[in-house]
Amino acid sequence: IDEGQDFSYRLVEALRLHAALAEGSFYVFYDNEQAVNTSGTVRQGAESALRWCQQEAPCRLFLGRNLRNTKCIAQSAGQLVHRPARLHEALPEGEPPRLHLADGKTRLARLKALLKDLLARHRPDDIAVLSVRGKEDMWLKPGALADLGKGAAGICIDTVRRFKGLEAAAVVLVDVQPEKILRQAPELSRSLFYVGATRARQELHVLAEA
């Protein structure tokens, strides 16, 4: 099982029993900080697969070394969820994540300017614009970037939840409310930000509401 933190306890146990009956092996890969696709009850309570992973798994191996992000991105994301980043020595230092502030009237123009800059360094299909909200609640709608030209057609516009498990050279997080994420963020908001930030291999930009 991959992304085991998003499974329920009952489903993990059922799959474990199935593997046992088939005399097969059973592995669960999970990350506490990436439980963003389950309800609060399942995510935090006894119904969570994390209960099985943390309390009932016969053997646990900690794979904590970051191999995706630059050192700056990994350290910034880890600080947000109070988890020190264990960095592979081969990771590049990279540039610090950048925060861009814009209100409802200027955010689209600010995003387009940022994407034009990113397109000068990255392929369109290696750029992702990710919302920390749900698909229906995103302010960025399909077609909003049409005037950037055909070269921008490959830019991914999606939500953090749907993009989880994937990566891009450059990631732009949108729909970010600093006072909710950075000051008094509930667990889910911090996890969404953490998951979105760690999708970026080389550049991370945060377009936040001013």
Protein backbone atom coordinates (compact mmCIF):
# COMPACT_ATOMS: atom_id res chain seq x y z
CA ILE A 1 0.00 0.00 0.00
CA ASP A 2 1.33 3.45 -0.91
CA GLU A 3 0.00 6.62 0.76
CA GLY A 4 -1.17 4.43 3.62
CA GLN A 5 -2.05 7.43 5.79
CA ASP A 6 -5.08 8.03 3.55
CA PHE A 7 -6.52 4.54 4.09
CA SER A 8 -8.89 3.48 6.83
CA TYR A 9 -7.88 0.99 9.50
CA ARG A 10 -10.45 -1.54 8.29
CA LEU A 11 -9.21 -1.43 4.70
CA VAL A 12 -5.58 -1.88 5.71
CA GLU A 13 -6.49 -4.82 7.93
CA ALA A 14 -8.57 -6.41 5.16
CA LEU A 15 -5.69 -6.13 2.69
CA ARG A 16 -3.28 -7.52 5.28
CA LEU A 17 -5.50 -10.55 5.80
CA HIS A 18 -5.79 -11.03 2.04
CA ALA A 19 -1.99 -11.02 1.73
CA ALA A 20 -1.70 -13.49 4.60
CA LEU A 21 -4.20 -15.90 3.03
CA ALA A 22 -2.26 -15.72 -0.23
CA GLU A 23 0.98 -16.31 1.70
CA GLY A 24 2.31 -13.06 0.28
CA SER A 25 4.21 -10.10 1.66
CA PHE A 26 2.50 -6.97 2.96
CA TYR A 27 4.04 -3.48 3.06
CA VAL A 28 2.54 -0.11 3.92
CA PHE A 29 4.29 3.15 3.04
CA TYR A 30 2.97 6.19 4.85
CA ASP A 31 3.77 9.70 6.02
CA ASN A 32 2.09 11.21 9.09
CA GLU A 33 2.34 14.70 7.65
CA GLN A 34 0.53 13.86 4.41
CA ALA A 35 -2.85 12.70 5.70
CA VAL A 36 -4.93 15.09 3.58
CA ASN A 37 -7.40 12.82 1.78
CA THR A 38 -9.39 11.53 4.73
CA SER A 39 -11.96 13.11 7.00
CA GLY A 40 -10.89 14.53 10.34
CA THR A 41 -12.51 11.62 12.18
CA VAL A 42 -10.61 9.01 10.22
CA ARG A 43 -7.40 11.02 10.10
CA GLN A 44 -7.12 11.53 13.83
CA GLY A 45 -9.12 8.69 15.39
CA ALA A 46 -9.02 4.96 15.88
CA GLU A 47 -10.34 4.39 12.37
CA SER A 48 -7.12 5.74 10.84
CA ALA A 49 -4.64 3.41 9.15
CA LEU A 50 -1.99 5.25 11.14
CA ARG A 51 -3.19 3.31 14.17
CA TRP A 52 -2.26 0.07 12.40
CA CYS A 53 1.03 1.47 11.06
CA GLN A 54 2.18 2.88 14.38
CA GLN A 55 0.83 0.33 16.85
CA GLU A 56 0.26 -3.01 15.14
CA ALA A 57 2.78 -3.30 12.30
CA PRO A 58 5.17 -6.17 13.16
CA CYS A 59 8.14 -4.30 11.72
CA ARG A 60 8.68 -0.60 11.01
CA LEU A 61 11.46 0.97 8.97
CA PHE A 62 11.88 4.75 8.97
CA LEU A 63 12.68 6.10 5.50
CA GLY A 64 13.19 9.73 6.38
CA ARG A 65 15.88 10.96 4.02
CA ASN A 66 14.64 13.56 1.52
CA LEU A 67 15.61 12.78 -2.07
CA ARG A 68 13.24 15.07 -4.00
CA ASN A 69 13.57 18.69 -2.92
CA THR A 70 16.43 21.13 -2.67
CA LYS A 71 17.79 21.64 0.82
CA CYS A 72 16.06 25.03 1.13
CA ILE A 73 12.65 23.66 0.15
CA ALA A 74 12.95 20.59 2.38
CA GLN A 75 14.02 22.63 5.41
CA SER A 76 11.26 25.23 4.93
CA ALA A 77 8.55 22.59 4.56
CA GLY A 78 9.84 20.63 7.53
CA GLN A 79 9.80 23.68 9.80
CA LEU A 80 6.13 24.24 9.05
CA VAL A 81 5.14 20.86 10.44
CA HIS A 82 7.88 20.86 13.12
CA ARG A 83 9.72 17.97 11.51
CA PRO A 84 13.47 18.43 10.97
CA ALA A 85 14.44 17.53 7.42
CA ARG A 86 16.88 14.64 6.99
CA LEU A 87 18.68 15.62 3.81
CA HIS A 88 20.64 13.49 1.40
CA GLU A 89 24.14 14.88 1.00
CA ALA A 90 23.76 15.02 -2.79
CA LEU A 91 20.81 17.43 -2.67
CA PRO A 92 21.55 20.89 -4.14
CA GLU A 93 21.21 23.91 -1.87
CA GLY A 94 18.71 25.65 -4.15
CA GLU A 95 16.97 28.97 -3.76
CA PRO A 96 14.76 29.76 -0.74
CA PRO A 97 11.00 29.51 -1.37
CA ARG A 98 9.52 32.85 -2.40
CA LEU A 99 6.39 34.47 -1.03
CA HIS A 100 4.30 36.70 -3.34
CA LEU A 101 1.44 38.76 -1.89
CA ALA A 102 -1.56 39.83 -3.97
CA ASP A 103 -5.20 40.71 -3.38
CA GLY A 104 -8.21 39.55 -5.36
CA LYS A 105 -7.73 42.23 -8.01
CA THR A 106 -4.05 41.66 -8.70
CA ARG A 107 -3.48 37.95 -8.07
CA LEU A 108 -4.14 36.77 -11.63
CA ALA A 109 -1.77 39.35 -13.14
CA ARG A 110 0.83 38.48 -10.50
CA LEU A 111 0.50 34.78 -11.28
CA LYS A 112 0.84 35.34 -15.03
CA ALA A 113 3.99 37.40 -14.54
CA LEU A 114 5.45 34.68 -12.31
CA LEU A 115 4.62 31.95 -14.81
CA LYS A 116 6.20 33.89 -17.68
CA ASP A 117 9.38 34.03 -15.62
CA LEU A 118 9.23 30.30 -14.84
CA LEU A 119 8.62 29.41 -18.49
CA ALA A 120 11.98 30.94 -19.31
CA ARG A 121 13.65 28.26 -17.16
CA HIS A 122 11.34 25.24 -17.20
CA ARG A 123 9.22 23.25 -19.61
CA PRO A 124 5.47 23.93 -19.26
CA ASP A 125 4.83 20.31 -18.26
CA ASP A 126 7.33 20.69 -15.40
CA ILE A 127 5.42 23.59 -13.81
CA ALA A 128 2.46 23.06 -11.48
CA VAL A 129 0.04 25.60 -10.01
CA LEU A 130 -1.57 23.93 -7.00
CA SER A 131 -4.41 25.13 -4.81
CA VAL A 132 -4.61 24.23 -1.13
CA ARG A 133 -8.41 24.36 -1.50
CA GLY A 134 -10.78 21.97 -3.24
CA LYS A 135 -11.32 22.00 -7.00
CA GLU A 136 -14.63 23.85 -6.71
CA ASP A 137 -13.19 26.53 -4.43
CA MET A 138 -10.16 27.51 -6.55
CA TRP A 139 -10.19 31.09 -7.87
CA LEU A 140 -8.04 30.04 -10.83
CA LYS A 141 -10.38 28.63 -13.46
CA PRO A 142 -9.67 26.71 -16.70
CA GLY A 143 -8.72 29.06 -19.51
CA ALA A 144 -7.53 31.84 -17.21
CA LEU A 145 -3.96 31.50 -18.53
CA ALA A 146 -4.90 31.27 -22.22
CA ASP A 147 -3.28 34.60 -23.08
CA LEU A 148 0.13 33.25 -22.03
CA GLY A 149 0.21 31.47 -25.39
CA LYS A 150 0.39 27.88 -26.58
CA GLY A 151 3.65 27.36 -24.73
CA ALA A 152 1.81 27.55 -21.41
CA ALA A 153 -0.77 24.92 -22.35
CA GLY A 154 1.15 22.17 -20.58
CA ILE A 155 1.20 23.89 -17.18
CA CYS A 156 -0.60 21.76 -14.61
CA ILE A 157 -3.40 23.52 -12.71
CA ASP A 158 -4.76 21.32 -9.95
CA THR A 159 -5.25 20.90 -6.23
CA VAL A 160 -2.66 19.72 -3.71
CA ARG A 161 -4.81 16.70 -2.88
CA ARG A 162 -5.03 15.52 -6.49
CA PHE A 163 -1.32 16.16 -7.17
CA LYS A 164 -0.10 14.28 -4.10
CA GLY A 165 2.49 11.69 -5.05
CA LEU A 166 3.60 13.68 -8.09
CA GLU A 167 6.27 16.35 -8.52
CA ALA A 168 7.33 19.25 -10.73
CA ALA A 169 10.47 21.30 -11.14
CA ALA A 170 8.59 24.46 -10.18
CA VAL A 171 5.49 24.64 -7.99
CA VAL A 172 3.29 27.68 -7.32
CA LEU A 173 0.93 27.32 -4.37
CA VAL A 174 -2.21 29.47 -4.58
CA ASP A 175 -5.25 30.12 -2.37
CA VAL A 176 -2.90 30.41 0.59
CA GLN A 177 -4.07 32.40 3.62
CA PRO A 178 -0.95 33.20 5.70
CA GLU A 179 -2.81 33.84 8.95
CA LYS A 180 -4.41 30.39 8.72
CA ILE A 181 -1.40 28.43 7.52
CA LEU A 182 1.49 30.08 9.32
CA ARG A 183 0.00 31.26 12.61
CA GLN A 184 -3.01 29.36 13.83
CA ALA A 185 -3.30 26.67 11.20
CA PRO A 186 -5.16 23.51 12.10
CA GLU A 187 -3.42 20.22 11.40
CA LEU A 188 -5.04 19.71 8.00
CA SER A 189 -4.07 23.18 6.71
CA ARG A 190 -0.45 22.63 7.69
CA SER A 191 -0.45 19.19 6.08
CA LEU A 192 -1.89 20.56 2.83
CA PHE A 193 0.78 23.25 2.71
CA TYR A 194 3.49 20.71 3.53
CA VAL A 195 2.34 18.30 0.80
CA GLY A 196 2.13 21.10 -1.77
CA ALA A 197 5.53 22.51 -0.87
CA THR A 198 7.27 19.15 -1.10
CA ARG A 199 6.02 18.59 -4.67
CA ALA A 200 8.68 21.08 -5.85
CA ARG A 201 12.05 19.73 -6.95
CA GLN A 202 13.79 23.05 -7.68
CA GLU A 203 11.58 26.11 -7.15
CA LEU A 204 8.74 26.82 -4.74
CA HIS A 205 6.61 29.95 -4.96
CA VAL A 206 3.69 30.82 -2.69
CA LEU A 207 1.07 33.27 -3.98
CA ALA A 208 -0.69 34.33 -0.80
CA GLU A 209 -3.68 36.52 -0.16
CA ALA A 210 -2.58 39.96 0.96
